[in-house]
Amino acid sequence: MMNKIAFLSLILCLCVFSNSFGAFVYWGGGMKDGSATAFDWFNGGSDNGLFGDPVLVGGNTFVFTPQNFRADSLDGVSGTAADRLKVTLVAKPGQMITGIRITEFGDYGITGNGEVRISGGLFMTNMVEFDVADSELNVVNPATPITSGAGNWKAVGEITGLDWTNVNFVMDNNLQAVTVGSGSNSYVQKKITGGSVTIEIIPEPASLGLLGLGTLFLVRNRKK
């Protein structure tokens, strides 16, 4: 009999319109490598450090507090914000990594003639057999580009149907703000109520309602 455990991981913020990155920023506070209840992780970090450092809570819950993940544009000068998160996940004995889901939120504002864009991608590589699975981040409310007003946005992405034990996970995240002419300004940012990103375990079958911004690591227990 097989029991599935869904790891609601990483409810995060994303950015990558530039291909140039500085030195890789490993998670601090002893979180570069670590052990959750059902998987171990290694070499966690991001290219620009915009995600911040996670905290492991309750066995399999990551909490991130992203800072300054924001793009601004004023008087025709475009702005971008970009980061790429990377981490290696290794399932513990009897576990299988079956997929990942992302949900993220933010806000935006546009005055005058301008627009903002949100985009990103998810990539998982099976380090045992070197299979690759990927998916785009889809902005669902409102659709991107956003060309007027102010408010909140939501984006989702997922990779499912896997059966892997050793995974290299990469998430590219992109924000862009554009204006045309003087007197116009726009901004877009990743933002979560309370200022944190929460990742929590949800046993299946159960509602996979996501709290805030989140990445879902699906892990399946195998029992003889």
N, C-alpha and C. Protein backbone atom coordinates (compact mmCIF):
# COMPACT_ATOMS: atom_id res chain seq x y z
N MET A 1 0.85 -1.19 0.00
CA MET A 1 0.00 0.00 0.00
C MET A 1 0.89 1.24 0.00
N MET A 2 0.48 2.24 -0.74
CA MET A 2 1.31 3.44 -0.87
C MET A 2 0.60 4.64 -0.27
N ASN A 3 1.30 5.38 0.59
CA ASN A 3 0.79 6.63 1.13
C ASN A 3 1.54 7.77 0.50
N LYS A 4 0.83 8.80 0.09
CA LYS A 4 1.47 9.97 -0.51
C LYS A 4 1.52 11.10 0.51
N ILE A 5 2.65 11.78 0.53
CA ILE A 5 2.80 12.95 1.38
C ILE A 5 3.16 14.12 0.47
N ALA A 6 2.43 15.18 0.60
CA ALA A 6 2.71 16.35 -0.23
C ALA A 6 3.49 17.34 0.60
N PHE A 7 4.62 17.74 0.09
CA PHE A 7 5.44 18.71 0.77
C PHE A 7 5.20 20.08 0.17
N LEU A 8 4.38 20.84 0.83
CA LEU A 8 4.11 22.19 0.37
C LEU A 8 5.32 23.02 0.72
N SER A 9 6.22 23.14 -0.27
CA SER A 9 7.48 23.76 0.01
C SER A 9 7.58 25.14 -0.64
N LEU A 10 8.35 25.94 -0.17
CA LEU A 10 8.82 27.14 -0.78
C LEU A 10 7.80 28.06 -1.40
N ILE A 11 7.06 28.76 -0.78
CA ILE A 11 6.14 29.67 -1.41
C ILE A 11 6.93 30.93 -1.69
N LEU A 12 7.30 31.17 -2.89
CA LEU A 12 8.37 32.11 -3.14
C LEU A 12 8.12 33.24 -4.11
N CYS A 13 9.20 33.94 -4.37
CA CYS A 13 9.24 35.05 -5.28
C CYS A 13 10.25 34.82 -6.38
N LEU A 14 10.00 35.33 -7.61
CA LEU A 14 10.85 34.97 -8.73
C LEU A 14 11.32 36.16 -9.56
N CYS A 15 12.47 35.99 -10.24
CA CYS A 15 12.96 37.05 -11.11
C CYS A 15 14.14 36.66 -11.99
N VAL A 16 14.09 36.87 -13.33
CA VAL A 16 15.28 36.69 -14.16
C VAL A 16 15.14 37.29 -15.55
N PHE A 17 15.34 38.57 -15.71
CA PHE A 17 15.37 39.14 -17.05
C PHE A 17 16.81 39.41 -17.48
N SER A 18 17.71 39.28 -16.56
CA SER A 18 19.12 39.44 -16.90
C SER A 18 19.80 38.09 -16.84
N ASN A 19 20.74 37.86 -17.74
CA ASN A 19 21.48 36.62 -17.74
C ASN A 19 22.79 36.72 -16.96
N SER A 20 23.06 37.88 -16.41
CA SER A 20 24.31 38.05 -15.67
C SER A 20 24.02 37.97 -14.18
N PHE A 21 24.79 37.14 -13.47
CA PHE A 21 24.61 36.96 -12.05
C PHE A 21 25.94 37.13 -11.35
N GLY A 22 25.89 37.52 -10.08
CA GLY A 22 27.09 37.61 -9.29
C GLY A 22 27.45 36.26 -8.71
N ALA A 23 28.26 36.30 -7.65
CA ALA A 23 28.64 35.06 -6.98
C ALA A 23 27.40 34.41 -6.38
N PHE A 24 27.36 33.08 -6.44
CA PHE A 24 26.23 32.35 -5.91
C PHE A 24 26.13 32.58 -4.40
N VAL A 25 24.91 32.85 -3.92
CA VAL A 25 24.68 33.15 -2.51
C VAL A 25 24.04 31.94 -1.85
N TYR A 26 24.81 31.21 -1.04
CA TYR A 26 24.27 30.06 -0.34
C TYR A 26 23.38 30.52 0.81
N TRP A 27 22.36 29.71 1.13
CA TRP A 27 21.53 30.01 2.29
C TRP A 27 22.40 30.05 3.53
N GLY A 28 22.18 31.06 4.35
CA GLY A 28 22.95 31.21 5.57
C GLY A 28 22.26 30.56 6.76
N GLY A 29 22.79 30.83 7.92
CA GLY A 29 22.21 30.31 9.15
C GLY A 29 22.25 28.79 9.25
N GLY A 30 23.25 28.17 8.61
CA GLY A 30 23.35 26.72 8.65
C GLY A 30 22.34 26.00 7.79
N MET A 31 21.71 26.71 6.81
CA MET A 31 20.66 26.12 6.00
C MET A 31 21.12 25.75 4.59
N LYS A 32 22.38 25.93 4.28
CA LYS A 32 22.88 25.53 2.96
C LYS A 32 22.60 24.04 2.72
N ASP A 33 22.88 23.21 3.71
CA ASP A 33 22.58 21.77 3.69
C ASP A 33 21.73 21.47 4.91
N GLY A 34 20.89 20.44 4.81
CA GLY A 34 20.08 20.09 5.97
C GLY A 34 19.23 18.87 5.73
N SER A 35 18.43 18.55 6.72
CA SER A 35 17.61 17.34 6.68
C SER A 35 16.19 17.66 7.13
N ALA A 36 15.23 17.34 6.28
CA ALA A 36 13.82 17.40 6.64
C ALA A 36 13.38 15.99 7.06
N THR A 37 12.12 15.80 7.33
CA THR A 37 11.65 14.49 7.75
C THR A 37 11.77 13.46 6.64
N ALA A 38 11.46 13.83 5.41
CA ALA A 38 11.41 12.87 4.32
C ALA A 38 12.46 13.08 3.25
N PHE A 39 13.24 14.14 3.33
CA PHE A 39 14.30 14.35 2.34
C PHE A 39 15.43 15.16 2.96
N ASP A 40 16.60 15.04 2.39
CA ASP A 40 17.74 15.89 2.73
C ASP A 40 17.95 16.89 1.60
N TRP A 41 18.53 18.04 1.91
CA TRP A 41 18.83 19.00 0.86
C TRP A 41 20.28 19.47 0.97
N PHE A 42 20.84 19.88 -0.19
CA PHE A 42 22.24 20.24 -0.26
C PHE A 42 22.44 21.45 -1.17
N ASN A 43 23.41 22.29 -0.79
CA ASN A 43 23.84 23.43 -1.62
C ASN A 43 22.70 24.36 -1.98
N GLY A 44 21.82 24.63 -1.03
CA GLY A 44 20.71 25.54 -1.28
C GLY A 44 21.17 26.99 -1.35
N GLY A 45 20.63 27.72 -2.32
CA GLY A 45 20.97 29.12 -2.45
C GLY A 45 20.40 29.71 -3.72
N SER A 46 20.82 30.91 -4.07
CA SER A 46 20.35 31.55 -5.29
C SER A 46 21.44 32.46 -5.83
N ASP A 47 21.30 32.85 -7.08
CA ASP A 47 22.32 33.65 -7.73
C ASP A 47 22.51 35.02 -7.10
N ASN A 48 21.42 35.64 -6.69
CA ASN A 48 21.49 37.00 -6.17
C ASN A 48 21.03 37.16 -4.73
N GLY A 49 20.61 36.07 -4.10
CA GLY A 49 20.23 36.13 -2.69
C GLY A 49 18.92 36.83 -2.40
N LEU A 50 18.07 37.04 -3.41
CA LEU A 50 16.82 37.77 -3.20
C LEU A 50 15.76 36.95 -2.46
N PHE A 51 15.90 35.63 -2.48
CA PHE A 51 14.93 34.80 -1.77
C PHE A 51 15.13 34.85 -0.26
N GLY A 52 16.33 35.17 0.17
CA GLY A 52 16.64 35.13 1.58
C GLY A 52 16.95 33.72 2.05
N ASP A 53 17.10 33.54 3.35
CA ASP A 53 17.43 32.25 3.93
C ASP A 53 16.18 31.57 4.49
N PRO A 54 16.00 30.28 4.23
CA PRO A 54 14.84 29.59 4.76
C PRO A 54 15.05 29.16 6.20
N VAL A 55 13.94 28.89 6.87
CA VAL A 55 13.94 28.28 8.19
C VAL A 55 13.11 27.02 8.09
N LEU A 56 13.62 25.90 8.59
CA LEU A 56 12.86 24.65 8.57
C LEU A 56 12.01 24.59 9.83
N VAL A 57 10.71 24.42 9.64
CA VAL A 57 9.75 24.42 10.74
C VAL A 57 8.90 23.16 10.66
N GLY A 58 8.67 22.49 11.78
CA GLY A 58 7.74 21.37 11.84
C GLY A 58 8.15 20.17 11.02
N GLY A 59 9.44 19.96 10.81
CA GLY A 59 9.90 18.75 10.15
C GLY A 59 10.10 18.88 8.66
N ASN A 60 9.13 19.43 7.95
CA ASN A 60 9.23 19.52 6.49
C ASN A 60 8.69 20.85 5.96
N THR A 61 8.83 21.88 6.72
CA THR A 61 8.31 23.19 6.32
C THR A 61 9.45 24.20 6.21
N PHE A 62 9.59 24.81 5.04
CA PHE A 62 10.52 25.91 4.85
C PHE A 62 9.77 27.23 4.96
N VAL A 63 10.39 28.19 5.59
CA VAL A 63 9.84 29.54 5.62
C VAL A 63 10.91 30.49 5.09
N PHE A 64 10.60 31.19 4.01
CA PHE A 64 11.48 32.19 3.42
C PHE A 64 10.93 33.59 3.70
N THR A 65 11.82 34.55 3.77
CA THR A 65 11.43 35.96 3.89
C THR A 65 12.17 36.76 2.81
N PRO A 66 11.69 36.73 1.58
CA PRO A 66 12.38 37.46 0.50
C PRO A 66 12.36 38.97 0.74
N GLN A 67 13.47 39.60 0.40
CA GLN A 67 13.61 41.04 0.61
C GLN A 67 14.02 41.71 -0.70
N ASN A 68 13.43 42.85 -0.98
CA ASN A 68 13.85 43.68 -2.12
C ASN A 68 13.75 42.96 -3.45
N PHE A 69 12.77 42.06 -3.56
CA PHE A 69 12.54 41.38 -4.85
C PHE A 69 11.55 42.25 -5.62
N ARG A 70 12.07 43.30 -6.23
CA ARG A 70 11.21 44.35 -6.79
C ARG A 70 11.88 44.99 -7.99
N ALA A 71 11.06 45.30 -9.01
CA ALA A 71 11.52 46.04 -10.19
C ALA A 71 10.74 47.35 -10.28
N ASP A 72 11.44 48.45 -10.55
CA ASP A 72 10.84 49.78 -10.66
C ASP A 72 11.21 50.42 -11.99
N SER A 73 10.28 51.23 -12.53
CA SER A 73 10.55 52.00 -13.74
C SER A 73 10.01 53.41 -13.55
N LEU A 74 10.78 54.39 -14.00
CA LEU A 74 10.38 55.78 -13.88
C LEU A 74 10.80 56.55 -15.13
N ASP A 75 9.85 57.29 -15.71
CA ASP A 75 10.13 58.20 -16.83
C ASP A 75 10.84 57.52 -17.99
N GLY A 76 10.38 56.32 -18.35
CA GLY A 76 10.90 55.65 -19.53
C GLY A 76 12.12 54.78 -19.31
N VAL A 77 12.62 54.71 -18.10
CA VAL A 77 13.77 53.86 -17.79
C VAL A 77 13.26 52.55 -17.19
N SER A 78 13.47 51.45 -17.90
CA SER A 78 12.96 50.15 -17.47
C SER A 78 13.75 49.61 -16.29
N GLY A 79 13.09 48.77 -15.50
CA GLY A 79 13.75 48.14 -14.36
C GLY A 79 13.47 46.65 -14.35
N THR A 80 14.44 45.85 -13.91
CA THR A 80 14.26 44.40 -13.80
C THR A 80 14.78 43.91 -12.46
N ALA A 81 14.26 42.77 -12.04
CA ALA A 81 14.78 42.06 -10.88
C ALA A 81 14.81 40.58 -11.23
N ALA A 82 15.90 39.90 -10.88
CA ALA A 82 16.06 38.52 -11.32
C ALA A 82 16.78 37.70 -10.27
N ASP A 83 16.36 36.46 -10.12
CA ASP A 83 17.09 35.53 -9.27
C ASP A 83 16.78 34.10 -9.71
N ARG A 84 17.69 33.20 -9.38
CA ARG A 84 17.55 31.80 -9.76
C ARG A 84 17.90 30.95 -8.55
N LEU A 85 16.90 30.28 -8.00
CA LEU A 85 17.08 29.43 -6.83
C LEU A 85 17.54 28.05 -7.26
N LYS A 86 18.46 27.46 -6.49
CA LYS A 86 18.94 26.11 -6.79
C LYS A 86 19.07 25.32 -5.49
N VAL A 87 18.71 24.04 -5.54
CA VAL A 87 18.90 23.16 -4.38
C VAL A 87 18.83 21.72 -4.86
N THR A 88 19.61 20.84 -4.25
CA THR A 88 19.55 19.41 -4.52
C THR A 88 18.74 18.72 -3.44
N LEU A 89 17.76 17.91 -3.85
CA LEU A 89 16.87 17.20 -2.93
C LEU A 89 17.11 15.71 -3.06
N VAL A 90 17.33 15.05 -1.93
CA VAL A 90 17.56 13.61 -1.93
C VAL A 90 16.55 12.96 -0.99
N ALA A 91 15.65 12.15 -1.56
CA ALA A 91 14.63 11.49 -0.75
C ALA A 91 15.27 10.50 0.20
N LYS A 92 14.72 10.40 1.40
CA LYS A 92 15.20 9.43 2.36
C LYS A 92 14.72 8.03 1.99
N PRO A 93 15.34 6.99 2.54
CA PRO A 93 14.94 5.62 2.20
C PRO A 93 13.44 5.41 2.35
N GLY A 94 12.83 4.79 1.33
CA GLY A 94 11.39 4.55 1.34
C GLY A 94 10.57 5.68 0.78
N GLN A 95 11.22 6.78 0.35
CA GLN A 95 10.51 7.94 -0.17
C GLN A 95 10.81 8.12 -1.66
N MET A 96 9.86 8.74 -2.36
CA MET A 96 10.06 9.09 -3.77
C MET A 96 9.58 10.53 -3.98
N ILE A 97 10.36 11.33 -4.67
CA ILE A 97 9.96 12.68 -5.03
C ILE A 97 9.11 12.59 -6.30
N THR A 98 7.86 12.99 -6.22
CA THR A 98 6.94 12.81 -7.33
C THR A 98 6.62 14.10 -8.08
N GLY A 99 7.00 15.25 -7.54
CA GLY A 99 6.72 16.48 -8.27
C GLY A 99 6.90 17.72 -7.43
N ILE A 100 6.55 18.84 -8.01
CA ILE A 100 6.67 20.12 -7.32
C ILE A 100 5.60 21.07 -7.83
N ARG A 101 5.06 21.88 -6.94
CA ARG A 101 4.09 22.91 -7.32
C ARG A 101 4.50 24.24 -6.70
N ILE A 102 4.30 25.31 -7.46
CA ILE A 102 4.66 26.66 -7.00
C ILE A 102 3.42 27.54 -7.04
N THR A 103 3.22 28.30 -5.99
CA THR A 103 2.24 29.38 -6.02
C THR A 103 2.89 30.61 -5.39
N GLU A 104 2.79 31.73 -6.05
CA GLU A 104 3.39 32.95 -5.50
C GLU A 104 2.48 34.14 -5.71
N PHE A 105 2.69 35.16 -4.89
CA PHE A 105 1.88 36.35 -4.92
C PHE A 105 2.76 37.60 -4.87
N GLY A 106 2.22 38.70 -5.32
CA GLY A 106 2.92 39.97 -5.22
C GLY A 106 1.97 41.11 -5.47
N ASP A 107 2.52 42.31 -5.60
CA ASP A 107 1.67 43.45 -5.95
C ASP A 107 2.37 44.31 -6.99
N TYR A 108 1.63 45.27 -7.54
CA TYR A 108 2.13 46.11 -8.63
C TYR A 108 1.41 47.44 -8.60
N GLY A 109 1.98 48.41 -9.29
CA GLY A 109 1.32 49.70 -9.45
C GLY A 109 1.82 50.36 -10.73
N ILE A 110 0.92 50.98 -11.47
CA ILE A 110 1.27 51.65 -12.73
C ILE A 110 0.57 53.01 -12.78
N THR A 111 1.36 54.07 -12.97
CA THR A 111 0.82 55.41 -13.13
C THR A 111 1.29 55.95 -14.48
N GLY A 112 0.35 56.41 -15.30
CA GLY A 112 0.71 56.88 -16.61
C GLY A 112 0.81 55.74 -17.61
N ASN A 113 1.77 55.83 -18.52
CA ASN A 113 1.91 54.86 -19.59
C ASN A 113 3.01 53.85 -19.24
N GLY A 114 2.62 52.63 -18.91
CA GLY A 114 3.62 51.63 -18.55
C GLY A 114 3.00 50.25 -18.41
N GLU A 115 3.83 49.28 -18.05
CA GLU A 115 3.36 47.93 -17.83
C GLU A 115 4.36 47.18 -16.96
N VAL A 116 3.90 46.04 -16.40
CA VAL A 116 4.78 45.17 -15.64
C VAL A 116 4.59 43.73 -16.12
N ARG A 117 5.65 42.94 -15.97
CA ARG A 117 5.61 41.54 -16.39
C ARG A 117 6.19 40.66 -15.29
N ILE A 118 5.61 39.45 -15.16
CA ILE A 118 6.09 38.43 -14.23
C ILE A 118 6.26 37.14 -15.01
N SER A 119 7.40 36.48 -14.87
CA SER A 119 7.60 35.21 -15.56
C SER A 119 8.62 34.37 -14.80
N GLY A 120 8.73 33.12 -15.19
CA GLY A 120 9.70 32.24 -14.54
C GLY A 120 9.58 30.83 -15.07
N GLY A 121 10.46 29.96 -14.62
CA GLY A 121 10.44 28.57 -15.04
C GLY A 121 10.94 27.65 -13.95
N LEU A 122 10.45 26.41 -13.96
CA LEU A 122 10.84 25.37 -13.02
C LEU A 122 11.57 24.28 -13.79
N PHE A 123 12.64 23.76 -13.21
CA PHE A 123 13.42 22.72 -13.86
C PHE A 123 13.85 21.68 -12.83
N MET A 124 13.57 20.42 -13.12
CA MET A 124 13.97 19.33 -12.24
C MET A 124 14.78 18.32 -13.05
N THR A 125 15.95 17.95 -12.53
CA THR A 125 16.81 16.99 -13.20
C THR A 125 16.98 15.76 -12.31
N ASN A 126 16.68 14.59 -12.85
CA ASN A 126 16.89 13.33 -12.16
C ASN A 126 18.38 13.02 -12.20
N MET A 127 19.06 13.11 -11.05
CA MET A 127 20.49 12.94 -11.01
C MET A 127 20.93 11.47 -11.05
N VAL A 128 19.97 10.56 -11.02
CA VAL A 128 20.27 9.14 -11.13
C VAL A 128 20.27 8.71 -12.60
N GLU A 129 19.21 9.10 -13.33
CA GLU A 129 19.08 8.71 -14.73
C GLU A 129 19.19 9.90 -15.68
N PHE A 130 19.35 11.10 -15.14
CA PHE A 130 19.54 12.32 -15.91
C PHE A 130 18.36 12.63 -16.84
N ASP A 131 17.17 12.32 -16.37
CA ASP A 131 15.97 12.82 -17.03
C ASP A 131 15.74 14.27 -16.62
N VAL A 132 15.03 15.01 -17.45
CA VAL A 132 14.74 16.42 -17.15
C VAL A 132 13.25 16.67 -17.30
N ALA A 133 12.67 17.41 -16.36
CA ALA A 133 11.27 17.85 -16.44
C ALA A 133 11.24 19.35 -16.18
N ASP A 134 10.37 20.08 -16.90
CA ASP A 134 10.32 21.51 -16.72
C ASP A 134 8.90 22.03 -16.92
N SER A 135 8.67 23.23 -16.45
CA SER A 135 7.36 23.88 -16.57
C SER A 135 7.53 25.38 -16.46
N GLU A 136 6.64 26.13 -17.09
CA GLU A 136 6.66 27.58 -16.97
C GLU A 136 5.85 28.02 -15.76
N LEU A 137 6.18 29.19 -15.26
CA LEU A 137 5.36 29.85 -14.25
C LEU A 137 4.28 30.63 -14.98
N ASN A 138 3.03 30.39 -14.62
CA ASN A 138 1.90 31.03 -15.29
C ASN A 138 1.24 32.06 -14.39
N VAL A 139 1.15 33.29 -14.88
CA VAL A 139 0.47 34.34 -14.13
C VAL A 139 -1.01 34.24 -14.43
N VAL A 140 -1.82 33.97 -13.42
CA VAL A 140 -3.23 33.66 -13.64
C VAL A 140 -4.17 34.76 -13.19
N ASN A 141 -3.72 35.69 -12.39
CA ASN A 141 -4.65 36.71 -11.89
C ASN A 141 -3.87 37.94 -11.41
N PRO A 142 -3.86 39.03 -12.25
CA PRO A 142 -4.35 39.12 -13.64
C PRO A 142 -3.31 38.57 -14.60
N ALA A 143 -3.67 38.48 -15.87
CA ALA A 143 -2.74 37.98 -16.87
C ALA A 143 -1.63 39.00 -17.11
N THR A 144 -0.44 38.50 -17.43
CA THR A 144 0.69 39.37 -17.73
C THR A 144 0.83 39.56 -19.25
N PRO A 145 1.24 40.73 -19.76
CA PRO A 145 1.63 41.92 -18.99
C PRO A 145 0.43 42.66 -18.41
N ILE A 146 0.67 43.33 -17.30
CA ILE A 146 -0.35 44.17 -16.66
C ILE A 146 -0.06 45.60 -17.09
N THR A 147 -1.06 46.28 -17.61
CA THR A 147 -0.81 47.57 -18.27
C THR A 147 -1.42 48.79 -17.56
N SER A 148 -2.14 48.58 -16.47
CA SER A 148 -2.73 49.74 -15.80
C SER A 148 -3.13 49.38 -14.37
N GLY A 149 -3.31 50.42 -13.56
CA GLY A 149 -3.86 50.24 -12.23
C GLY A 149 -2.85 49.75 -11.21
N ALA A 150 -3.40 49.27 -10.10
CA ALA A 150 -2.60 48.76 -9.00
C ALA A 150 -3.36 47.63 -8.33
N GLY A 151 -2.63 46.71 -7.75
CA GLY A 151 -3.30 45.59 -7.09
C GLY A 151 -2.34 44.45 -6.83
N ASN A 152 -2.92 43.27 -6.68
CA ASN A 152 -2.15 42.07 -6.38
C ASN A 152 -2.13 41.13 -7.58
N TRP A 153 -1.12 40.28 -7.66
CA TRP A 153 -1.04 39.28 -8.72
C TRP A 153 -0.74 37.91 -8.11
N LYS A 154 -1.06 36.88 -8.90
CA LYS A 154 -0.82 35.51 -8.47
C LYS A 154 -0.25 34.72 -9.64
N ALA A 155 0.73 33.85 -9.36
CA ALA A 155 1.32 33.00 -10.39
C ALA A 155 1.46 31.58 -9.85
N VAL A 156 1.32 30.59 -10.74
CA VAL A 156 1.40 29.19 -10.35
C VAL A 156 2.25 28.41 -11.35
N GLY A 157 2.79 27.30 -10.92
CA GLY A 157 3.52 26.40 -11.79
C GLY A 157 3.65 25.04 -11.12
N GLU A 158 3.77 23.98 -11.90
CA GLU A 158 3.92 22.66 -11.30
C GLU A 158 4.60 21.70 -12.25
N ILE A 159 5.26 20.72 -11.64
CA ILE A 159 5.79 19.55 -12.33
C ILE A 159 5.31 18.35 -11.52
N THR A 160 4.62 17.42 -12.15
CA THR A 160 4.10 16.25 -11.44
C THR A 160 4.38 14.98 -12.25
N GLY A 161 4.02 13.84 -11.66
CA GLY A 161 4.14 12.56 -12.34
C GLY A 161 5.54 11.97 -12.33
N LEU A 162 6.38 12.42 -11.40
CA LEU A 162 7.74 11.89 -11.31
C LEU A 162 7.80 10.74 -10.32
N ASP A 163 8.94 10.07 -10.30
CA ASP A 163 9.19 8.98 -9.36
C ASP A 163 10.68 8.93 -9.09
N TRP A 164 11.23 10.02 -8.55
CA TRP A 164 12.67 10.21 -8.46
C TRP A 164 13.13 10.27 -7.00
N THR A 165 14.41 9.98 -6.80
CA THR A 165 14.96 9.99 -5.45
C THR A 165 16.04 11.05 -5.26
N ASN A 166 16.67 11.48 -6.33
CA ASN A 166 17.75 12.46 -6.26
C ASN A 166 17.51 13.51 -7.32
N VAL A 167 17.19 14.73 -6.91
CA VAL A 167 16.71 15.75 -7.84
C VAL A 167 17.51 17.04 -7.67
N ASN A 168 17.92 17.61 -8.78
CA ASN A 168 18.44 18.98 -8.78
C ASN A 168 17.31 19.91 -9.21
N PHE A 169 16.90 20.80 -8.32
CA PHE A 169 15.78 21.70 -8.60
C PHE A 169 16.30 23.11 -8.83
N VAL A 170 15.83 23.73 -9.93
CA VAL A 170 16.19 25.11 -10.27
C VAL A 170 14.92 25.88 -10.57
N MET A 171 14.80 27.09 -10.04
CA MET A 171 13.65 27.94 -10.34
C MET A 171 14.15 29.31 -10.76
N ASP A 172 13.87 29.69 -12.01
CA ASP A 172 14.17 31.02 -12.51
C ASP A 172 12.99 31.94 -12.24
N ASN A 173 13.30 33.16 -11.80
CA ASN A 173 12.25 34.12 -11.47
C ASN A 173 12.54 35.47 -12.08
N ASN A 174 11.52 36.08 -12.70
CA ASN A 174 11.70 37.31 -13.44
C ASN A 174 10.63 38.35 -13.12
N LEU A 175 11.05 39.57 -12.92
CA LEU A 175 10.14 40.71 -12.79
C LEU A 175 10.65 41.83 -13.69
N GLN A 176 9.73 42.52 -14.38
CA GLN A 176 10.12 43.64 -15.23
C GLN A 176 9.09 44.75 -15.14
N ALA A 177 9.57 45.98 -14.99
CA ALA A 177 8.71 47.16 -14.98
C ALA A 177 9.15 48.09 -16.11
N VAL A 178 8.17 48.63 -16.86
CA VAL A 178 8.45 49.47 -18.03
C VAL A 178 7.57 50.72 -17.98
N THR A 179 8.11 51.86 -18.40
CA THR A 179 7.31 53.07 -18.59
C THR A 179 7.69 53.72 -19.91
N VAL A 180 6.78 54.55 -20.43
CA VAL A 180 7.02 55.28 -21.68
C VAL A 180 6.80 56.77 -21.41
N GLY A 181 7.83 57.58 -21.61
CA GLY A 181 7.68 59.02 -21.44
C GLY A 181 7.83 59.48 -20.01
N SER A 182 7.94 60.79 -19.85
CA SER A 182 8.09 61.37 -18.51
C SER A 182 6.77 61.38 -17.77
N GLY A 183 6.85 61.40 -16.46
CA GLY A 183 5.65 61.45 -15.63
C GLY A 183 5.00 60.10 -15.41
N SER A 184 5.59 59.02 -15.91
CA SER A 184 5.03 57.68 -15.72
C SER A 184 5.94 56.88 -14.77
N ASN A 185 5.32 56.04 -13.97
CA ASN A 185 6.11 55.14 -13.14
C ASN A 185 5.37 53.83 -12.94
N SER A 186 6.12 52.76 -12.69
CA SER A 186 5.53 51.45 -12.47
C SER A 186 6.45 50.64 -11.57
N TYR A 187 5.88 49.68 -10.88
CA TYR A 187 6.67 48.77 -10.07
C TYR A 187 5.96 47.42 -10.00
N VAL A 188 6.72 46.36 -9.72
CA VAL A 188 6.17 45.03 -9.48
C VAL A 188 7.10 44.33 -8.49
N GLN A 189 6.54 43.61 -7.54
CA GLN A 189 7.35 42.94 -6.55
C GLN A 189 6.70 41.65 -6.06
N LYS A 190 7.54 40.77 -5.53
CA LYS A 190 7.05 39.61 -4.81
C LYS A 190 6.69 40.07 -3.41
N LYS A 191 5.54 39.64 -2.95
CA LYS A 191 5.12 40.13 -1.64
C LYS A 191 4.17 39.13 -1.01
N ILE A 192 4.38 38.89 0.29
CA ILE A 192 3.53 37.98 1.04
C ILE A 192 3.08 38.67 2.30
N THR A 193 1.81 38.52 2.63
CA THR A 193 1.29 39.11 3.86
C THR A 193 2.11 38.61 5.05
N GLY A 194 2.59 39.50 5.86
CA GLY A 194 3.41 39.12 6.99
C GLY A 194 4.89 39.03 6.66
N GLY A 195 5.23 39.12 5.37
CA GLY A 195 6.62 39.20 4.97
C GLY A 195 7.37 37.89 4.93
N SER A 196 6.70 36.75 4.86
CA SER A 196 7.42 35.49 4.83
C SER A 196 6.83 34.56 3.78
N VAL A 197 7.61 33.53 3.43
CA VAL A 197 7.17 32.48 2.52
C VAL A 197 7.12 31.20 3.33
N THR A 198 5.96 30.55 3.30
CA THR A 198 5.77 29.37 4.13
C THR A 198 5.69 28.11 3.29
N ILE A 199 6.38 27.06 3.73
CA ILE A 199 6.39 25.77 3.06
C ILE A 199 5.97 24.74 4.09
N GLU A 200 4.87 24.07 3.83
CA GLU A 200 4.41 23.13 4.85
C GLU A 200 3.97 21.80 4.26
N ILE A 201 4.04 20.75 5.06
CA ILE A 201 3.65 19.41 4.63
C ILE A 201 2.14 19.26 4.71
N ILE A 202 1.55 18.67 3.66
CA ILE A 202 0.12 18.35 3.66
C ILE A 202 -0.02 16.90 3.24
N PRO A 203 -0.46 16.01 4.12
CA PRO A 203 -0.64 14.60 3.71
C PRO A 203 -1.75 14.48 2.68
N GLU A 204 -1.57 13.60 1.69
CA GLU A 204 -2.62 13.30 0.73
C GLU A 204 -3.39 12.07 1.19
N PRO A 205 -4.68 11.91 0.82
CA PRO A 205 -5.45 12.94 0.10
C PRO A 205 -5.95 13.99 1.07
N ALA A 206 -5.70 15.22 0.70
CA ALA A 206 -6.16 16.36 1.50
C ALA A 206 -6.19 17.55 0.59
N SER A 207 -6.90 18.57 1.01
CA SER A 207 -6.93 19.78 0.21
C SER A 207 -5.54 20.35 0.08
N LEU A 208 -5.16 20.71 -1.14
CA LEU A 208 -3.85 21.29 -1.37
C LEU A 208 -3.96 22.80 -1.44
N GLY A 209 -4.83 23.37 -0.61
CA GLY A 209 -4.92 24.82 -0.56
C GLY A 209 -3.59 25.40 -0.14
N LEU A 210 -3.12 26.41 -0.86
CA LEU A 210 -1.80 26.96 -0.60
C LEU A 210 -1.93 28.23 0.22
N LEU A 211 -1.10 28.33 1.25
CA LEU A 211 -1.08 29.51 2.08
C LEU A 211 0.03 30.42 1.58
N GLY A 212 -0.34 31.56 1.05
CA GLY A 212 0.67 32.45 0.54
C GLY A 212 1.33 31.87 -0.69
N LEU A 213 2.58 32.03 -0.80
CA LEU A 213 3.37 31.69 -1.96
C LEU A 213 3.99 30.34 -1.71
N GLY A 214 3.87 29.37 -2.55
CA GLY A 214 4.43 28.11 -2.16
C GLY A 214 4.87 27.16 -3.23
N THR A 215 5.87 26.38 -2.89
CA THR A 215 6.36 25.31 -3.72
C THR A 215 6.01 24.01 -3.05
N LEU A 216 5.49 23.10 -3.83
CA LEU A 216 5.02 21.86 -3.25
C LEU A 216 5.90 20.71 -3.68
N PHE A 217 6.64 20.12 -2.75
CA PHE A 217 7.39 18.92 -3.05
C PHE A 217 6.53 17.73 -2.71
N LEU A 218 6.23 16.90 -3.69
CA LEU A 218 5.40 15.74 -3.47
C LEU A 218 6.29 14.54 -3.26
N VAL A 219 6.13 13.89 -2.12
CA VAL A 219 6.95 12.75 -1.79
C VAL A 219 6.08 11.57 -1.45
N ARG A 220 6.39 10.44 -2.01
CA ARG A 220 5.55 9.27 -1.80
C ARG A 220 6.27 8.26 -0.93
N ASN A 221 5.58 7.79 0.10
CA ASN A 221 6.09 6.72 0.94
C ASN A 221 5.87 5.39 0.26
N ARG A 222 6.88 4.56 0.24
CA ARG A 222 6.72 3.21 -0.24
C ARG A 222 6.84 2.26 0.94
N LYS A 223 5.82 1.44 1.15
CA LYS A 223 5.83 0.48 2.23
C LYS A 223 5.66 -0.92 1.67
N LYS A 224 6.48 -1.82 2.17
CA LYS A 224 6.35 -3.18 1.74
C LYS A 224 5.17 -3.84 2.45
